[in-house]
Amino acid sequence: MNLHFTTLALSDGWIIGMAVAQTVVNVVMVVFMAWLKRQNDDVRQLKGDLRQHAEQVIDARFERVEQNVVTILRRLEEGDRLFRESHDKDHKLELQTAQAVSDLRAWCMANAATKDELKALSDHVQKLTIDVAQMQKV
């Protein structure tokens, strides 16, 4: 009987040791899990901060891009307006030039000599040249 108490006492010590070891392991696991949760929360907070910062940077860049697009559109509209004005001026000048050429042609037609008139004038100048040459001989 004495042996049985010794075995029971030894097994009680072993059980108590295992219980203490289990408690220590549980405490270590709880502390580790708490630390791990805190690290996880920190990482999530950093992710949130990073996402927020990235959104701010992207929004700022899009705002600059939008401002550039608006500026480019204004310049294009101004360029289109100037081009239309230039086209209108060019068209007016083209019409004025065509009218001036037409007027010049009409004046030339009205005031120019015909071939027959030029032939008669040439014959008359030739006759006068001969008359002048004869007069100089005298």
C-alpha atoms as a PDB file:
ATOM      1  CA  MET A   1       0.000   0.000   0.000  1.00  0.00           C
ATOM      2  CA  ASN A   2       2.760   2.313   0.625  1.00  0.00           C
ATOM      3  CA  LEU A   3       3.812   1.935  -2.959  1.00  0.00           C
ATOM      4  CA  HIS A   4       0.478   2.932  -4.221  1.00  0.00           C
ATOM      5  CA  PHE A   5       0.621   6.279  -2.388  1.00  0.00           C
ATOM      6  CA  THR A   6       4.112   6.863  -3.735  1.00  0.00           C
ATOM      7  CA  THR A   7       2.974   6.192  -7.257  1.00  0.00           C
ATOM      8  CA  LEU A   8      -0.035   8.362  -6.716  1.00  0.00           C
ATOM      9  CA  ALA A   9       2.120  11.092  -5.210  1.00  0.00           C
ATOM     10  CA  LEU A  10       4.538  10.856  -8.113  1.00  0.00           C
ATOM     11  CA  SER A  11       1.724  10.973 -10.569  1.00  0.00           C
ATOM     12  CA  ASP A  12       0.182  13.912  -8.701  1.00  0.00           C
ATOM     13  CA  GLY A  13       3.509  15.754  -9.019  1.00  0.00           C
ATOM     14  CA  TRP A  14       3.646  14.915 -12.672  1.00  0.00           C
ATOM     15  CA  ILE A  15       0.073  16.088 -13.161  1.00  0.00           C
ATOM     16  CA  ILE A  16       0.756  19.247 -11.208  1.00  0.00           C
ATOM     17  CA  GLY A  17       3.926  19.833 -13.259  1.00  0.00           C
ATOM     18  CA  MET A  18       1.990  19.319 -16.472  1.00  0.00           C
ATOM     19  CA  ALA A  19      -0.742  21.662 -15.211  1.00  0.00           C
ATOM     20  CA  VAL A  20       1.864  24.300 -14.323  1.00  0.00           C
ATOM     21  CA  ALA A  21       3.557  23.813 -17.699  1.00  0.00           C
ATOM     22  CA  GLN A  22       0.174  24.062 -19.434  1.00  0.00           C
ATOM     23  CA  THR A  23      -0.628  27.240 -17.507  1.00  0.00           C
ATOM     24  CA  VAL A  24       2.741  28.759 -18.385  1.00  0.00           C
ATOM     25  CA  VAL A  25       2.252  27.799 -22.026  1.00  0.00           C
ATOM     26  CA  ASN A  26      -1.275  29.249 -21.937  1.00  0.00           C
ATOM     27  CA  VAL A  27      -0.004  32.497 -20.400  1.00  0.00           C
ATOM     28  CA  VAL A  28       2.783  32.698 -22.974  1.00  0.00           C
ATOM     29  CA  MET A  29       0.258  31.994 -25.746  1.00  0.00           C
ATOM     30  CA  VAL A  30      -2.132  34.661 -24.402  1.00  0.00           C
ATOM     31  CA  VAL A  31       0.691  37.211 -24.205  1.00  0.00           C
ATOM     32  CA  PHE A  32       1.919  36.204 -27.670  1.00  0.00           C
ATOM     33  CA  MET A  33      -1.630  36.377 -29.096  1.00  0.00           C
ATOM     34  CA  ALA A  34      -2.136  39.812 -27.486  1.00  0.00           C
ATOM     35  CA  TRP A  35       1.180  40.988 -28.962  1.00  0.00           C
ATOM     36  CA  LEU A  36       0.237  39.466 -32.328  1.00  0.00           C
ATOM     37  CA  LYS A  37      -3.180  41.183 -32.212  1.00  0.00           C
ATOM     38  CA  ARG A  38      -1.515  44.500 -31.410  1.00  0.00           C
ATOM     39  CA  GLN A  39       0.906  44.012 -34.313  1.00  0.00           C
ATOM     40  CA  ASN A  40      -2.010  43.113 -36.583  1.00  0.00           C
ATOM     41  CA  ASP A  41      -3.892  46.231 -35.462  1.00  0.00           C
ATOM     42  CA  ASP A  42      -0.777  48.338 -36.109  1.00  0.00           C
ATOM     43  CA  VAL A  43      -0.434  46.840 -39.591  1.00  0.00           C
ATOM     44  CA  ARG A  44      -4.112  47.514 -40.317  1.00  0.00           C
ATOM     45  CA  GLN A  45      -3.710  51.081 -39.059  1.00  0.00           C
ATOM     46  CA  LEU A  46      -0.646  51.526 -41.277  1.00  0.00           C
ATOM     47  CA  LYS A  47      -2.555  50.085 -44.230  1.00  0.00           C
ATOM     48  CA  GLY A  48      -5.384  52.533 -43.582  1.00  0.00           C
ATOM     49  CA  ASP A  49      -2.967  55.443 -43.272  1.00  0.00           C
ATOM     50  CA  LEU A  50      -1.167  54.340 -46.421  1.00  0.00           C
ATOM     51  CA  ARG A  51      -4.434  53.999 -48.337  1.00  0.00           C
ATOM     52  CA  GLN A  52      -5.554  57.441 -47.160  1.00  0.00           C
ATOM     53  CA  HIS A  53      -2.217  59.011 -48.101  1.00  0.00           C
ATOM     54  CA  ALA A  54      -2.253  57.269 -51.484  1.00  0.00           C
ATOM     55  CA  GLU A  55      -5.778  58.560 -52.132  1.00  0.00           C
ATOM     56  CA  GLN A  56      -4.690  62.093 -51.226  1.00  0.00           C
ATOM     57  CA  VAL A  57      -1.680  61.882 -53.551  1.00  0.00           C
ATOM     58  CA  ILE A  58      -3.779  60.432 -56.377  1.00  0.00           C
ATOM     59  CA  ASP A  59      -6.498  63.045 -55.867  1.00  0.00           C
ATOM     60  CA  ALA A  60      -3.905  65.828 -55.927  1.00  0.00           C
ATOM     61  CA  ARG A  61      -2.387  64.471 -59.131  1.00  0.00           C
ATOM     62  CA  PHE A  62      -5.787  64.046 -60.776  1.00  0.00           C
ATOM     63  CA  GLU A  63      -6.631  67.597 -59.778  1.00  0.00           C
ATOM     64  CA  ARG A  64      -3.440  68.818 -61.471  1.00  0.00           C
ATOM     65  CA  VAL A  65      -4.207  66.710 -64.539  1.00  0.00           C
ATOM     66  CA  GLU A  66      -7.739  68.110 -64.649  1.00  0.00           C
ATOM     67  CA  GLN A  67      -6.350  71.648 -64.409  1.00  0.00           C
ATOM     68  CA  ASN A  68      -3.961  70.887 -67.277  1.00  0.00           C
ATOM     69  CA  VAL A  69      -6.809  69.443 -69.351  1.00  0.00           C
ATOM     70  CA  VAL A  70      -8.933  72.544 -68.707  1.00  0.00           C
ATOM     71  CA  THR A  71      -6.000  74.765 -69.702  1.00  0.00           C
ATOM     72  CA  ILE A  72      -5.407  72.737 -72.871  1.00  0.00           C
ATOM     73  CA  LEU A  73      -9.105  72.879 -73.756  1.00  0.00           C
ATOM     74  CA  ARG A  74      -9.111  76.658 -73.290  1.00  0.00           C
ATOM     75  CA  ARG A  75      -6.072  76.962 -75.526  1.00  0.00           C
ATOM     76  CA  LEU A  76      -7.685  74.735 -78.152  1.00  0.00           C
ATOM     77  CA  GLU A  77     -10.869  76.781 -78.077  1.00  0.00           C
ATOM     78  CA  GLU A  78      -8.847  79.998 -78.406  1.00  0.00           C
ATOM     79  CA  GLY A  79      -6.836  78.461 -81.247  1.00  0.00           C
ATOM     80  CA  ASP A  80     -10.034  77.354 -83.001  1.00  0.00           C
ATOM     81  CA  ARG A  81     -11.468  80.855 -82.639  1.00  0.00           C
ATOM     82  CA  LEU A  82      -8.291  82.440 -84.031  1.00  0.00           C
ATOM     83  CA  PHE A  83      -8.214  79.905 -86.865  1.00  0.00           C
ATOM     84  CA  ARG A  84     -11.836  80.697 -87.798  1.00  0.00           C
ATOM     85  CA  GLU A  85     -11.074  84.437 -87.692  1.00  0.00           C
ATOM     86  CA  SER A  86      -7.982  83.897 -89.834  1.00  0.00           C
ATOM     87  CA  HIS A  87      -9.981  81.757 -92.254  1.00  0.00           C
ATOM     88  CA  ASP A  88     -12.653  84.445 -92.514  1.00  0.00           C
ATOM     89  CA  LYS A  89     -10.021  87.161 -93.112  1.00  0.00           C
ATOM     90  CA  ASP A  90      -8.310  84.965 -95.700  1.00  0.00           C
ATOM     91  CA  HIS A  91     -11.615  84.361 -97.457  1.00  0.00           C
ATOM     92  CA  LYS A  92     -12.393  88.115 -97.503  1.00  0.00           C
ATOM     93  CA  LEU A  93      -8.927  88.879 -98.911  1.00  0.00           C
ATOM     94  CA  GLU A  94      -9.348  86.164-101.526  1.00  0.00           C
ATOM     95  CA  LEU A  95     -12.679  87.662-102.606  1.00  0.00           C
ATOM     96  CA  GLN A  96     -11.185  91.182-102.678  1.00  0.00           C
ATOM     97  CA  THR A  97      -8.234  89.956-104.760  1.00  0.00           C
ATOM     98  CA  ALA A  98     -10.536  88.151-107.189  1.00  0.00           C
ATOM     99  CA  GLN A  99     -12.665  91.290-107.513  1.00  0.00           C
ATOM    100  CA  ALA A 100      -9.554  93.451-108.098  1.00  0.00           C
ATOM    101  CA  VAL A 101      -8.292  91.058-110.793  1.00  0.00           C
ATOM    102  CA  SER A 102     -11.732  91.082-112.398  1.00  0.00           C
ATOM    103  CA  ASP A 103     -11.835  94.895-112.313  1.00  0.00           C
ATOM    104  CA  LEU A 104      -8.319  95.094-113.781  1.00  0.00           C
ATOM    105  CA  ARG A 105      -9.266  92.678-116.535  1.00  0.00           C
ATOM    106  CA  ALA A 106     -12.384  94.695-117.321  1.00  0.00           C
ATOM    107  CA  TRP A 107     -10.356  97.938-117.420  1.00  0.00           C
ATOM    108  CA  CYS A 108      -7.762  96.333-119.693  1.00  0.00           C
ATOM    109  CA  MET A 109     -10.496  95.056-121.980  1.00  0.00           C
ATOM    110  CA  ALA A 110     -12.105  98.479-122.107  1.00  0.00           C
ATOM    111  CA  ASN A 111      -8.905 100.485-122.526  1.00  0.00           C
ATOM    112  CA  ALA A 112      -6.569  98.167-124.369  1.00  0.00           C
ATOM    113  CA  ALA A 113      -6.052  98.282-128.093  1.00  0.00           C
ATOM    114  CA  THR A 114      -7.106  95.443-130.347  1.00  0.00           C
ATOM    115  CA  LYS A 115      -4.707  93.670-132.676  1.00  0.00           C
ATOM    116  CA  ASP A 116      -6.017  95.618-135.599  1.00  0.00           C
ATOM    117  CA  GLU A 117      -5.560  98.904-133.757  1.00  0.00           C
ATOM    118  CA  LEU A 118      -2.009  97.897-132.768  1.00  0.00           C
ATOM    119  CA  LYS A 119      -1.251  96.950-136.408  1.00  0.00           C
ATOM    120  CA  ALA A 120      -2.562 100.295-137.622  1.00  0.00           C
ATOM    121  CA  LEU A 121      -0.565 102.111-134.932  1.00  0.00           C
ATOM    122  CA  SER A 122       2.564 100.179-135.867  1.00  0.00           C
ATOM    123  CA  ASP A 123       2.067 101.016-139.532  1.00  0.00           C
ATOM    124  CA  HIS A 124       1.546 104.677-138.687  1.00  0.00           C
ATOM    125  CA  VAL A 125       4.720 104.777-136.493  1.00  0.00           C
ATOM    126  CA  GLN A 126       6.682 103.122-139.316  1.00  0.00           C
ATOM    127  CA  LYS A 127       5.390 105.703-141.808  1.00  0.00           C
ATOM    128  CA  LEU A 128       6.311 108.531-139.428  1.00  0.00           C
ATOM    129  CA  THR A 129       9.798 107.073-138.998  1.00  0.00           C
ATOM    130  CA  ILE A 130      10.269 107.044-142.762  1.00  0.00           C
ATOM    131  CA  ASP A 131       8.987 110.638-143.031  1.00  0.00           C
ATOM    132  CA  VAL A 132      11.366 111.787-140.276  1.00  0.00           C
ATOM    133  CA  ALA A 133      14.288 110.048-141.993  1.00  0.00           C
ATOM    134  CA  GLN A 134      13.469 111.766-145.278  1.00  0.00           C
ATOM    135  CA  MET A 135      13.186 115.109-143.584  1.00  0.00           C
ATOM    136  CA  GLN A 136      16.560 114.703-142.044  1.00  0.00           C
ATOM    137  CA  LYS A 137      18.088 114.076-145.467  1.00  0.00           C
ATOM    138  CA  VAL A 138      16.851 117.361-146.740  1.00  0.00           C
END
